[in-house]
Amino acid sequence: MNLWVEIRKYKHCYLWIAPFFILFAVFSLYPTIYGFKISLTDYNGFDAAKFVGFENYSSVFSDPLFWQSLLNTFVLWLLIVPLRTVFALILASILNSSRIIGRRLYSSIVLLPYVTAIVVVAGVFRMLFATESGTVNVILNNWFGIGSIGWLDTTQLSKISIAIMNIWRMTGYFSLIMLAGMQKISVSVNEAAEMDGAGPMQKFIRITIPLMVHEIFFAVLISTIWVFQNVADVMVLTGGGPLNSSTTLVYYIYRNAYEFFKMGYASALSYILFGILIALSWFSVKGYYRKWEE
């Protein structure tokens, strides 16, 4: 009873926030519930859905392509997230240097790869990594005498090629996050370290990085989620090939839904991916705060 009294008392406040909840219910909550319902059916997007219970979920764990795509995703995470975080820190340190003239201009320039359409970026990298006449192979052949390398055509290098493109495209964005963290560090802290004889590298390792734990954790967590959700890089650069060597879990979901028309199975894969991301995020945040409290 008291709850309804409070609602009536502050009904004007609830009216102000009502549009958010209406849009959330229509475009997020309802699709989420409907997607789970679809995951319990055999549905091709055209004919009537046939209820099959949890058969789609049980089929996932016996699907070799699911395990391969999940492994590919983890490998891409290992190739991308650590290197991109280090490069973002280095780039942020350069942008934060007082010796750099026009830092605001450079801060805008480093965002250009991030805001450029992925189709354009992938087209450029396909020309760079082409086996026969790609720029990278031409340079390696003319300067070092190395024969043509199948960057996009071999199972060993397809994921590396995707990782290189993703790191180039996204490092600028994360460097600005790191730059914001560096700029919040008091100048007096660095001045005191200089008075104690600390050099640039010592200040960076012993002062800058420890004081940027929050920003680094945020960048790693968001990077992890984005890598697991990324479908565009794979789709436009390698198409998941060769031999599914670069097929990620999200791209496998896409193929099941829009190439094989297995909507129910794709929905089940989506909810398994959702569970993986929830678990990774929960353990990461829990471990982070536990360590921070200590």
C-alpha atoms as a PDB file:
ATOM      1  CA  MET A   1       0.000   0.000   0.000  1.00  0.00           C
ATOM      2  CA  ASN A   2       2.801   2.433   0.932  1.00  0.00           C
ATOM      3  CA  LEU A   3       4.485   1.718  -2.414  1.00  0.00           C
ATOM      4  CA  TRP A   4       1.442   2.837  -4.388  1.00  0.00           C
ATOM      5  CA  VAL A   5       1.140   5.916  -2.201  1.00  0.00           C
ATOM      6  CA  GLU A   6       4.721   6.815  -3.023  1.00  0.00           C
ATOM      7  CA  ILE A   7       4.138   6.204  -6.726  1.00  0.00           C
ATOM      8  CA  ARG A   8       1.075   8.453  -6.758  1.00  0.00           C
ATOM      9  CA  LYS A   9       2.955  11.082  -4.793  1.00  0.00           C
ATOM     10  CA  TYR A  10       5.844  11.170  -7.260  1.00  0.00           C
ATOM     11  CA  LYS A  11       3.921  10.205 -10.394  1.00  0.00           C
ATOM     12  CA  HIS A  12       5.356  13.163 -12.324  1.00  0.00           C
ATOM     13  CA  CYS A  13       8.866  11.729 -11.783  1.00  0.00           C
ATOM     14  CA  TYR A  14       7.801   8.325 -13.063  1.00  0.00           C
ATOM     15  CA  LEU A  15       6.271   9.984 -16.132  1.00  0.00           C
ATOM     16  CA  TRP A  16       9.639  11.559 -16.917  1.00  0.00           C
ATOM     17  CA  ILE A  17      11.475   8.219 -16.807  1.00  0.00           C
ATOM     18  CA  ALA A  18       8.642   6.216 -18.416  1.00  0.00           C
ATOM     19  CA  PRO A  19       9.935   6.668 -22.032  1.00  0.00           C
ATOM     20  CA  PHE A  20      13.162   4.861 -21.157  1.00  0.00           C
ATOM     21  CA  PHE A  21      11.366   1.883 -19.642  1.00  0.00           C
ATOM     22  CA  ILE A  22       8.903   1.714 -22.533  1.00  0.00           C
ATOM     23  CA  LEU A  23      11.712   1.720 -25.107  1.00  0.00           C
ATOM     24  CA  PHE A  24      13.700  -0.769 -23.029  1.00  0.00           C
ATOM     25  CA  ALA A  25      10.721  -3.123 -22.795  1.00  0.00           C
ATOM     26  CA  VAL A  26       9.953  -2.896 -26.528  1.00  0.00           C
ATOM     27  CA  PHE A  27      13.476  -3.036 -27.981  1.00  0.00           C
ATOM     28  CA  SER A  28      15.431  -5.015 -25.347  1.00  0.00           C
ATOM     29  CA  LEU A  29      13.298  -6.962 -22.883  1.00  0.00           C
ATOM     30  CA  TYR A  30      10.740  -8.316 -25.354  1.00  0.00           C
ATOM     31  CA  PRO A  31      13.357  -9.399 -27.977  1.00  0.00           C
ATOM     32  CA  THR A  32      15.356 -11.094 -25.207  1.00  0.00           C
ATOM     33  CA  ILE A  33      12.361 -13.103 -24.004  1.00  0.00           C
ATOM     34  CA  TYR A  34      11.232 -13.866 -27.565  1.00  0.00           C
ATOM     35  CA  GLY A  35      14.763 -14.935 -28.531  1.00  0.00           C
ATOM     36  CA  PHE A  36      14.835 -17.436 -25.678  1.00  0.00           C
ATOM     37  CA  LYS A  37      11.469 -18.761 -26.819  1.00  0.00           C
ATOM     38  CA  ILE A  38      12.863 -19.202 -30.351  1.00  0.00           C
ATOM     39  CA  SER A  39      15.885 -21.058 -28.920  1.00  0.00           C
ATOM     40  CA  LEU A  40      13.490 -23.774 -27.725  1.00  0.00           C
ATOM     41  CA  THR A  41      12.125 -24.374 -31.230  1.00  0.00           C
ATOM     42  CA  ASP A  42      13.105 -25.704 -34.632  1.00  0.00           C
ATOM     43  CA  TYR A  43      12.517 -22.580 -36.703  1.00  0.00           C
ATOM     44  CA  ASN A  44      13.839 -21.528 -40.116  1.00  0.00           C
ATOM     45  CA  GLY A  45      12.338 -18.038 -40.196  1.00  0.00           C
ATOM     46  CA  PHE A  46       9.574 -18.942 -42.646  1.00  0.00           C
ATOM     47  CA  ASP A  47       7.622 -21.986 -41.540  1.00  0.00           C
ATOM     48  CA  ALA A  48       5.844 -22.396 -38.233  1.00  0.00           C
ATOM     49  CA  ALA A  49       8.165 -22.943 -35.284  1.00  0.00           C
ATOM     50  CA  LYS A  50       8.230 -26.465 -33.833  1.00  0.00           C
ATOM     51  CA  PHE A  51       8.855 -26.760 -30.107  1.00  0.00           C
ATOM     52  CA  VAL A  52      11.852 -29.001 -29.350  1.00  0.00           C
ATOM     53  CA  GLY A  53      12.641 -28.029 -25.756  1.00  0.00           C
ATOM     54  CA  PHE A  54      16.346 -27.877 -24.918  1.00  0.00           C
ATOM     55  CA  GLU A  55      17.383 -29.992 -27.897  1.00  0.00           C
ATOM     56  CA  ASN A  56      19.175 -27.050 -29.521  1.00  0.00           C
ATOM     57  CA  TYR A  57      21.244 -26.501 -26.383  1.00  0.00           C
ATOM     58  CA  SER A  58      22.224 -30.154 -26.116  1.00  0.00           C
ATOM     59  CA  SER A  59      23.160 -30.183 -29.815  1.00  0.00           C
ATOM     60  CA  VAL A  60      25.529 -27.265 -29.326  1.00  0.00           C
ATOM     61  CA  PHE A  61      27.891 -29.184 -27.064  1.00  0.00           C
ATOM     62  CA  SER A  62      28.248 -32.011 -29.585  1.00  0.00           C
ATOM     63  CA  ASP A  63      28.848 -29.607 -32.481  1.00  0.00           C
ATOM     64  CA  PRO A  64      32.567 -29.546 -33.454  1.00  0.00           C
ATOM     65  CA  LEU A  65      32.158 -26.200 -35.235  1.00  0.00           C
ATOM     66  CA  PHE A  66      30.897 -24.647 -31.997  1.00  0.00           C
ATOM     67  CA  TRP A  67      34.034 -25.714 -30.152  1.00  0.00           C
ATOM     68  CA  GLN A  68      36.261 -24.599 -33.024  1.00  0.00           C
ATOM     69  CA  SER A  69      34.597 -21.182 -33.230  1.00  0.00           C
ATOM     70  CA  LEU A  70      34.827 -20.805 -29.441  1.00  0.00           C
ATOM     71  CA  LEU A  71      38.535 -21.702 -29.536  1.00  0.00           C
ATOM     72  CA  ASN A  72      39.088 -19.246 -32.400  1.00  0.00           C
ATOM     73  CA  THR A  73      37.430 -16.527 -30.311  1.00  0.00           C
ATOM     74  CA  PHE A  74      39.670 -17.209 -27.323  1.00  0.00           C
ATOM     75  CA  VAL A  75      42.763 -17.216 -29.557  1.00  0.00           C
ATOM     76  CA  LEU A  76      41.745 -13.853 -31.016  1.00  0.00           C
ATOM     77  CA  TRP A  77      41.302 -12.555 -27.476  1.00  0.00           C
ATOM     78  CA  LEU A  78      44.846 -13.634 -26.631  1.00  0.00           C
ATOM     79  CA  LEU A  79      46.196 -12.005 -29.801  1.00  0.00           C
ATOM     80  CA  ILE A  80      44.260  -8.760 -29.497  1.00  0.00           C
ATOM     81  CA  VAL A  81      43.538  -7.671 -25.923  1.00  0.00           C
ATOM     82  CA  PRO A  82      47.025  -7.787 -24.304  1.00  0.00           C
ATOM     83  CA  LEU A  83      48.789  -6.154 -27.276  1.00  0.00           C
ATOM     84  CA  ARG A  84      46.083  -3.557 -27.806  1.00  0.00           C
ATOM     85  CA  THR A  85      46.172  -2.594 -24.125  1.00  0.00           C
ATOM     86  CA  VAL A  86      49.969  -2.167 -24.192  1.00  0.00           C
ATOM     87  CA  PHE A  87      49.882  -0.171 -27.440  1.00  0.00           C
ATOM     88  CA  ALA A  88      47.082   2.020 -26.063  1.00  0.00           C
ATOM     89  CA  LEU A  89      49.163   2.782 -22.965  1.00  0.00           C
ATOM     90  CA  ILE A  90      52.210   3.652 -25.076  1.00  0.00           C
ATOM     91  CA  LEU A  91      50.198   5.855 -27.433  1.00  0.00           C
ATOM     92  CA  ALA A  92      48.491   7.575 -24.502  1.00  0.00           C
ATOM     93  CA  SER A  93      51.902   8.278 -22.933  1.00  0.00           C
ATOM     94  CA  ILE A  94      53.051   9.906 -26.158  1.00  0.00           C
ATOM     95  CA  LEU A  95      49.897  12.025 -26.399  1.00  0.00           C
ATOM     96  CA  ASN A  96      50.262  13.005 -22.732  1.00  0.00           C
ATOM     97  CA  SER A  97      53.819  14.243 -23.205  1.00  0.00           C
ATOM     98  CA  SER A  98      54.289  17.991 -22.850  1.00  0.00           C
ATOM     99  CA  ARG A  99      56.821  17.830 -25.688  1.00  0.00           C
ATOM    100  CA  ILE A 100      54.107  17.021 -28.226  1.00  0.00           C
ATOM    101  CA  ILE A 101      52.778  20.114 -29.999  1.00  0.00           C
ATOM    102  CA  GLY A 102      49.131  19.991 -31.042  1.00  0.00           C
ATOM    103  CA  ARG A 103      48.077  17.160 -28.735  1.00  0.00           C
ATOM    104  CA  ARG A 104      44.377  17.821 -29.315  1.00  0.00           C
ATOM    105  CA  LEU A 105      44.865  17.457 -33.051  1.00  0.00           C
ATOM    106  CA  TYR A 106      46.702  14.154 -32.632  1.00  0.00           C
ATOM    107  CA  SER A 107      44.030  12.942 -30.194  1.00  0.00           C
ATOM    108  CA  SER A 108      41.494  13.419 -32.979  1.00  0.00           C
ATOM    109  CA  ILE A 109      43.704  11.775 -35.601  1.00  0.00           C
ATOM    110  CA  VAL A 110      44.171   8.562 -33.590  1.00  0.00           C
ATOM    111  CA  LEU A 111      40.388   8.126 -33.621  1.00  0.00           C
ATOM    112  CA  LEU A 112      40.202   8.071 -37.421  1.00  0.00           C
ATOM    113  CA  PRO A 113      40.702   4.278 -37.749  1.00  0.00           C
ATOM    114  CA  TYR A 114      37.956   3.728 -35.158  1.00  0.00           C
ATOM    115  CA  VAL A 115      35.386   5.928 -36.910  1.00  0.00           C
ATOM    116  CA  THR A 116      36.240   4.705 -40.415  1.00  0.00           C
ATOM    117  CA  ALA A 117      33.742   2.206 -41.833  1.00  0.00           C
ATOM    118  CA  ILE A 118      34.876  -1.371 -41.277  1.00  0.00           C
ATOM    119  CA  VAL A 119      34.227  -2.226 -44.941  1.00  0.00           C
ATOM    120  CA  VAL A 120      36.722   0.438 -45.995  1.00  0.00           C
ATOM    121  CA  VAL A 121      39.294  -0.703 -43.428  1.00  0.00           C
ATOM    122  CA  ALA A 122      38.903  -4.352 -44.443  1.00  0.00           C
ATOM    123  CA  GLY A 123      39.238  -3.436 -48.127  1.00  0.00           C
ATOM    124  CA  VAL A 124      42.550  -1.716 -47.403  1.00  0.00           C
ATOM    125  CA  PHE A 125      43.840  -4.665 -45.383  1.00  0.00           C
ATOM    126  CA  ARG A 126      42.781  -7.137 -48.057  1.00  0.00           C
ATOM    127  CA  MET A 127      44.976  -5.210 -50.491  1.00  0.00           C
ATOM    128  CA  LEU A 128      47.819  -5.123 -47.972  1.00  0.00           C
ATOM    129  CA  PHE A 129      47.609  -8.862 -47.177  1.00  0.00           C
ATOM    130  CA  ALA A 130      46.814 -10.206 -50.660  1.00  0.00           C
ATOM    131  CA  THR A 131      48.950 -13.283 -51.363  1.00  0.00           C
ATOM    132  CA  GLU A 132      50.060 -12.484 -54.907  1.00  0.00           C
ATOM    133  CA  SER A 133      50.332  -8.710 -55.143  1.00  0.00           C
ATOM    134  CA  GLY A 134      49.678  -7.465 -51.614  1.00  0.00           C
ATOM    135  CA  THR A 135      51.767  -4.556 -50.382  1.00  0.00           C
ATOM    136  CA  VAL A 136      53.112  -6.483 -47.389  1.00  0.00           C
ATOM    137  CA  ASN A 137      54.283  -9.424 -49.494  1.00  0.00           C
ATOM    138  CA  VAL A 138      55.805  -7.120 -52.104  1.00  0.00           C
ATOM    139  CA  ILE A 139      57.849  -5.346 -49.421  1.00  0.00           C
ATOM    140  CA  LEU A 140      58.918  -8.620 -47.795  1.00  0.00           C
ATOM    141  CA  ASN A 141      59.939 -10.033 -51.172  1.00  0.00           C
ATOM    142  CA  ASN A 142      61.799  -6.973 -52.472  1.00  0.00           C
ATOM    143  CA  TRP A 143      63.546  -6.008 -49.256  1.00  0.00           C
ATOM    144  CA  PHE A 144      64.124  -9.336 -47.496  1.00  0.00           C
ATOM    145  CA  GLY A 145      63.733 -11.939 -50.243  1.00  0.00           C
ATOM    146  CA  ILE A 146      60.833 -13.635 -48.463  1.00  0.00           C
ATOM    147  CA  GLY A 147      58.381 -15.483 -50.707  1.00  0.00           C
ATOM    148  CA  SER A 148      54.647 -14.833 -50.806  1.00  0.00           C
ATOM    149  CA  ILE A 149      52.859 -15.410 -47.493  1.00  0.00           C
ATOM    150  CA  GLY A 150      49.199 -16.405 -47.407  1.00  0.00           C
ATOM    151  CA  TRP A 151      48.067 -13.978 -44.739  1.00  0.00           C
ATOM    152  CA  LEU A 152      44.390 -14.535 -45.509  1.00  0.00           C
ATOM    153  CA  ASP A 153      44.627 -17.921 -47.242  1.00  0.00           C
ATOM    154  CA  THR A 154      46.255 -20.111 -44.580  1.00  0.00           C
ATOM    155  CA  THR A 155      44.813 -21.499 -41.382  1.00  0.00           C
ATOM    156  CA  GLN A 156      47.935 -20.481 -39.455  1.00  0.00           C
ATOM    157  CA  LEU A 157      47.792 -16.763 -40.296  1.00  0.00           C
ATOM    158  CA  SER A 158      44.113 -15.931 -40.827  1.00  0.00           C
ATOM    159  CA  LYS A 159      43.513 -15.102 -37.149  1.00  0.00           C
ATOM    160  CA  ILE A 160      46.755 -13.124 -36.953  1.00  0.00           C
ATOM    161  CA  SER A 161      45.623 -11.000 -39.906  1.00  0.00           C
ATOM    162  CA  ILE A 162      42.296 -10.270 -38.193  1.00  0.00           C
ATOM    163  CA  ALA A 163      44.126  -9.401 -34.965  1.00  0.00           C
ATOM    164  CA  ILE A 164      46.460  -6.970 -36.748  1.00  0.00           C
ATOM    165  CA  MET A 165      43.546  -5.167 -38.376  1.00  0.00           C
ATOM    166  CA  ASN A 166      41.545  -5.031 -35.140  1.00  0.00           C
ATOM    167  CA  ILE A 167      44.491  -3.710 -33.131  1.00  0.00           C
ATOM    168  CA  TRP A 168      45.160  -1.007 -35.730  1.00  0.00           C
ATOM    169  CA  ARG A 169      41.471  -0.050 -35.856  1.00  0.00           C
ATOM    170  CA  MET A 170      40.711   0.067 -32.117  1.00  0.00           C
ATOM    171  CA  THR A 171      43.945   1.121 -30.379  1.00  0.00           C
ATOM    172  CA  GLY A 172      43.216   4.827 -30.859  1.00  0.00           C
ATOM    173  CA  TYR A 173      39.892   4.565 -29.030  1.00  0.00           C
ATOM    174  CA  PHE A 174      41.400   2.813 -26.025  1.00  0.00           C
ATOM    175  CA  SER A 175      44.401   5.164 -26.007  1.00  0.00           C
ATOM    176  CA  LEU A 176      42.027   8.063 -25.288  1.00  0.00           C
ATOM    177  CA  ILE A 177      40.624   6.149 -22.311  1.00  0.00           C
ATOM    178  CA  MET A 178      44.180   5.674 -21.058  1.00  0.00           C
ATOM    179  CA  LEU A 179      44.964   9.330 -21.775  1.00  0.00           C
ATOM    180  CA  ALA A 180      42.042  10.427 -19.602  1.00  0.00           C
ATOM    181  CA  GLY A 181      43.414   8.276 -16.790  1.00  0.00           C
ATOM    182  CA  MET A 182      46.898   9.746 -17.154  1.00  0.00           C
ATOM    183  CA  GLN A 183      45.639  13.310 -17.107  1.00  0.00           C
ATOM    184  CA  LYS A 184      43.913  12.794 -13.756  1.00  0.00           C
ATOM    185  CA  ILE A 185      47.272  11.964 -12.102  1.00  0.00           C
ATOM    186  CA  SER A 186      48.488  14.949 -10.128  1.00  0.00           C
ATOM    187  CA  VAL A 187      51.539  16.714 -11.517  1.00  0.00           C
ATOM    188  CA  SER A 188      52.955  16.924  -8.000  1.00  0.00           C
ATOM    189  CA  VAL A 189      53.229  13.131  -7.829  1.00  0.00           C
ATOM    190  CA  ASN A 190      55.491  13.021 -10.883  1.00  0.00           C
ATOM    191  CA  GLU A 191      57.463  16.029  -9.657  1.00  0.00           C
ATOM    192  CA  ALA A 192      58.097  14.325  -6.325  1.00  0.00           C
ATOM    193  CA  ALA A 193      59.261  11.184  -8.146  1.00  0.00           C
ATOM    194  CA  GLU A 194      61.644  13.264 -10.282  1.00  0.00           C
ATOM    195  CA  MET A 195      63.092  14.845  -7.143  1.00  0.00           C
ATOM    196  CA  ASP A 196      63.771  11.331  -5.846  1.00  0.00           C
ATOM    197  CA  GLY A 197      65.675  10.557  -9.040  1.00  0.00           C
ATOM    198  CA  ALA A 198      63.050   8.526 -10.886  1.00  0.00           C
ATOM    199  CA  GLY A 199      63.433   8.387 -14.671  1.00  0.00           C
ATOM    200  CA  PRO A 200      60.645   8.362 -17.265  1.00  0.00           C
ATOM    201  CA  MET A 201      60.441   4.562 -17.376  1.00  0.00           C
ATOM    202  CA  GLN A 202      60.421   4.258 -13.575  1.00  0.00           C
ATOM    203  CA  LYS A 203      57.645   6.854 -13.313  1.00  0.00           C
ATOM    204  CA  PHE A 204      55.627   5.049 -15.961  1.00  0.00           C
ATOM    205  CA  ILE A 205      55.931   1.608 -14.340  1.00  0.00           C
ATOM    206  CA  ARG A 206      55.793   2.551 -10.656  1.00  0.00           C
ATOM    207  CA  ILE A 207      53.465   5.566 -10.712  1.00  0.00           C
ATOM    208  CA  THR A 208      51.444   5.847 -13.904  1.00  0.00           C
ATOM    209  CA  ILE A 209      50.350   2.219 -14.287  1.00  0.00           C
ATOM    210  CA  PRO A 210      49.423   1.653 -10.591  1.00  0.00           C
ATOM    211  CA  LEU A 211      47.356   4.855 -10.579  1.00  0.00           C
ATOM    212  CA  MET A 212      45.556   3.775 -13.753  1.00  0.00           C
ATOM    213  CA  VAL A 213      44.312   0.406 -12.561  1.00  0.00           C
ATOM    214  CA  HIS A 214      40.678   1.450 -13.003  1.00  0.00           C
ATOM    215  CA  GLU A 215      41.143   2.581 -16.603  1.00  0.00           C
ATOM    216  CA  ILE A 216      43.210  -0.473 -17.537  1.00  0.00           C
ATOM    217  CA  PHE A 217      40.642  -2.830 -16.019  1.00  0.00           C
ATOM    218  CA  PHE A 218      37.819  -1.036 -17.843  1.00  0.00           C
ATOM    219  CA  ALA A 219      39.702  -1.219 -21.158  1.00  0.00           C
ATOM    220  CA  VAL A 220      40.457  -4.937 -20.742  1.00  0.00           C
ATOM    221  CA  LEU A 221      36.874  -5.764 -19.754  1.00  0.00           C
ATOM    222  CA  ILE A 222      35.322  -3.802 -22.629  1.00  0.00           C
ATOM    223  CA  SER A 223      37.912  -5.231 -25.037  1.00  0.00           C
ATOM    224  CA  THR A 224      37.003  -8.745 -23.944  1.00  0.00           C
ATOM    225  CA  ILE A 225      33.295  -8.168 -24.519  1.00  0.00           C
ATOM    226  CA  TRP A 226      33.912  -6.518 -27.885  1.00  0.00           C
ATOM    227  CA  VAL A 227      36.205  -9.308 -29.091  1.00  0.00           C
ATOM    228  CA  PHE A 228      33.591 -11.923 -28.206  1.00  0.00           C
ATOM    229  CA  GLN A 229      30.862  -9.881 -29.924  1.00  0.00           C
ATOM    230  CA  ASN A 230      32.879  -8.877 -32.982  1.00  0.00           C
ATOM    231  CA  VAL A 231      31.509 -10.211 -36.261  1.00  0.00           C
ATOM    232  CA  ALA A 232      32.359  -7.467 -38.754  1.00  0.00           C
ATOM    233  CA  ASP A 233      36.133  -8.005 -38.847  1.00  0.00           C
ATOM    234  CA  VAL A 234      35.796 -11.702 -39.627  1.00  0.00           C
ATOM    235  CA  MET A 235      32.918 -11.267 -42.071  1.00  0.00           C
ATOM    236  CA  VAL A 236      34.555  -8.688 -44.309  1.00  0.00           C
ATOM    237  CA  LEU A 237      38.227  -9.736 -44.076  1.00  0.00           C
ATOM    238  CA  THR A 238      38.312 -13.548 -44.176  1.00  0.00           C
ATOM    239  CA  GLY A 239      34.686 -14.695 -44.281  1.00  0.00           C
ATOM    240  CA  GLY A 240      35.552 -17.159 -41.517  1.00  0.00           C
ATOM    241  CA  GLY A 241      37.999 -19.071 -43.677  1.00  0.00           C
ATOM    242  CA  PRO A 242      39.983 -20.842 -44.695  1.00  0.00           C
ATOM    243  CA  LEU A 243      38.457 -24.062 -43.352  1.00  0.00           C
ATOM    244  CA  ASN A 244      36.666 -22.139 -40.561  1.00  0.00           C
ATOM    245  CA  SER A 245      40.053 -21.243 -39.062  1.00  0.00           C
ATOM    246  CA  SER A 246      38.917 -17.672 -38.380  1.00  0.00           C
ATOM    247  CA  THR A 247      35.236 -18.326 -37.688  1.00  0.00           C
ATOM    248  CA  THR A 248      34.351 -16.785 -34.342  1.00  0.00           C
ATOM    249  CA  LEU A 249      31.371 -17.701 -32.202  1.00  0.00           C
ATOM    250  CA  VAL A 250      29.374 -14.627 -33.221  1.00  0.00           C
ATOM    251  CA  TYR A 251      30.088 -15.229 -36.906  1.00  0.00           C
ATOM    252  CA  TYR A 252      29.017 -18.854 -36.468  1.00  0.00           C
ATOM    253  CA  ILE A 253      25.768 -17.580 -34.953  1.00  0.00           C
ATOM    254  CA  TYR A 254      25.303 -15.273 -37.927  1.00  0.00           C
ATOM    255  CA  ARG A 255      25.874 -18.100 -40.420  1.00  0.00           C
ATOM    256  CA  ASN A 256      23.413 -20.400 -38.673  1.00  0.00           C
ATOM    257  CA  ALA A 257      20.751 -17.698 -38.647  1.00  0.00           C
ATOM    258  CA  TYR A 258      21.127 -16.100 -42.081  1.00  0.00           C
ATOM    259  CA  GLU A 259      22.901 -18.704 -44.233  1.00  0.00           C
ATOM    260  CA  PHE A 260      21.594 -22.001 -42.852  1.00  0.00           C
ATOM    261  CA  PHE A 261      18.269 -20.508 -41.611  1.00  0.00           C
ATOM    262  CA  LYS A 262      18.555 -22.375 -38.298  1.00  0.00           C
ATOM    263  CA  MET A 263      17.048 -19.606 -36.203  1.00  0.00           C
ATOM    264  CA  GLY A 264      16.373 -21.769 -33.165  1.00  0.00           C
ATOM    265  CA  TYR A 265      19.908 -23.131 -33.103  1.00  0.00           C
ATOM    266  CA  ALA A 266      21.382 -19.647 -33.616  1.00  0.00           C
ATOM    267  CA  SER A 267      19.300 -18.342 -30.710  1.00  0.00           C
ATOM    268  CA  ALA A 268      20.574 -21.133 -28.477  1.00  0.00           C
ATOM    269  CA  LEU A 269      24.151 -20.257 -29.452  1.00  0.00           C
ATOM    270  CA  SER A 270      23.418 -16.609 -28.645  1.00  0.00           C
ATOM    271  CA  TYR A 271      22.259 -17.431 -25.136  1.00  0.00           C
ATOM    272  CA  ILE A 272      25.297 -19.629 -24.557  1.00  0.00           C
ATOM    273  CA  LEU A 273      27.499 -16.717 -25.655  1.00  0.00           C
ATOM    274  CA  PHE A 274      25.524 -14.466 -23.311  1.00  0.00           C
ATOM    275  CA  GLY A 275      26.198 -16.898 -20.456  1.00  0.00           C
ATOM    276  CA  ILE A 276      29.927 -16.972 -21.273  1.00  0.00           C
ATOM    277  CA  LEU A 277      30.149 -13.164 -21.252  1.00  0.00           C
ATOM    278  CA  ILE A 278      28.191 -12.908 -17.995  1.00  0.00           C
ATOM    279  CA  ALA A 279      30.516 -15.457 -16.369  1.00  0.00           C
ATOM    280  CA  LEU A 280      33.679 -13.756 -17.639  1.00  0.00           C
ATOM    281  CA  SER A 281      32.455 -10.319 -16.552  1.00  0.00           C
ATOM    282  CA  TRP A 282      31.319 -11.532 -13.135  1.00  0.00           C
ATOM    283  CA  PHE A 283      34.586 -13.309 -12.316  1.00  0.00           C
ATOM    284  CA  SER A 284      36.630 -10.373 -13.642  1.00  0.00           C
ATOM    285  CA  VAL A 285      34.734  -7.744 -11.640  1.00  0.00           C
ATOM    286  CA  LYS A 286      34.642  -9.903  -8.502  1.00  0.00           C
ATOM    287  CA  GLY A 287      38.378 -10.595  -8.694  1.00  0.00           C
ATOM    288  CA  TYR A 288      39.144  -6.951  -9.406  1.00  0.00           C
ATOM    289  CA  TYR A 289      37.208  -5.586  -6.425  1.00  0.00           C
ATOM    290  CA  ARG A 290      38.495  -8.296  -4.108  1.00  0.00           C
ATOM    291  CA  LYS A 291      42.067  -7.400  -5.007  1.00  0.00           C
ATOM    292  CA  TRP A 292      41.296  -3.670  -4.756  1.00  0.00           C
ATOM    293  CA  GLU A 293      39.820  -4.079  -1.247  1.00  0.00           C
ATOM    294  CA  GLU A 294      42.956  -5.908  -0.120  1.00  0.00           C
END
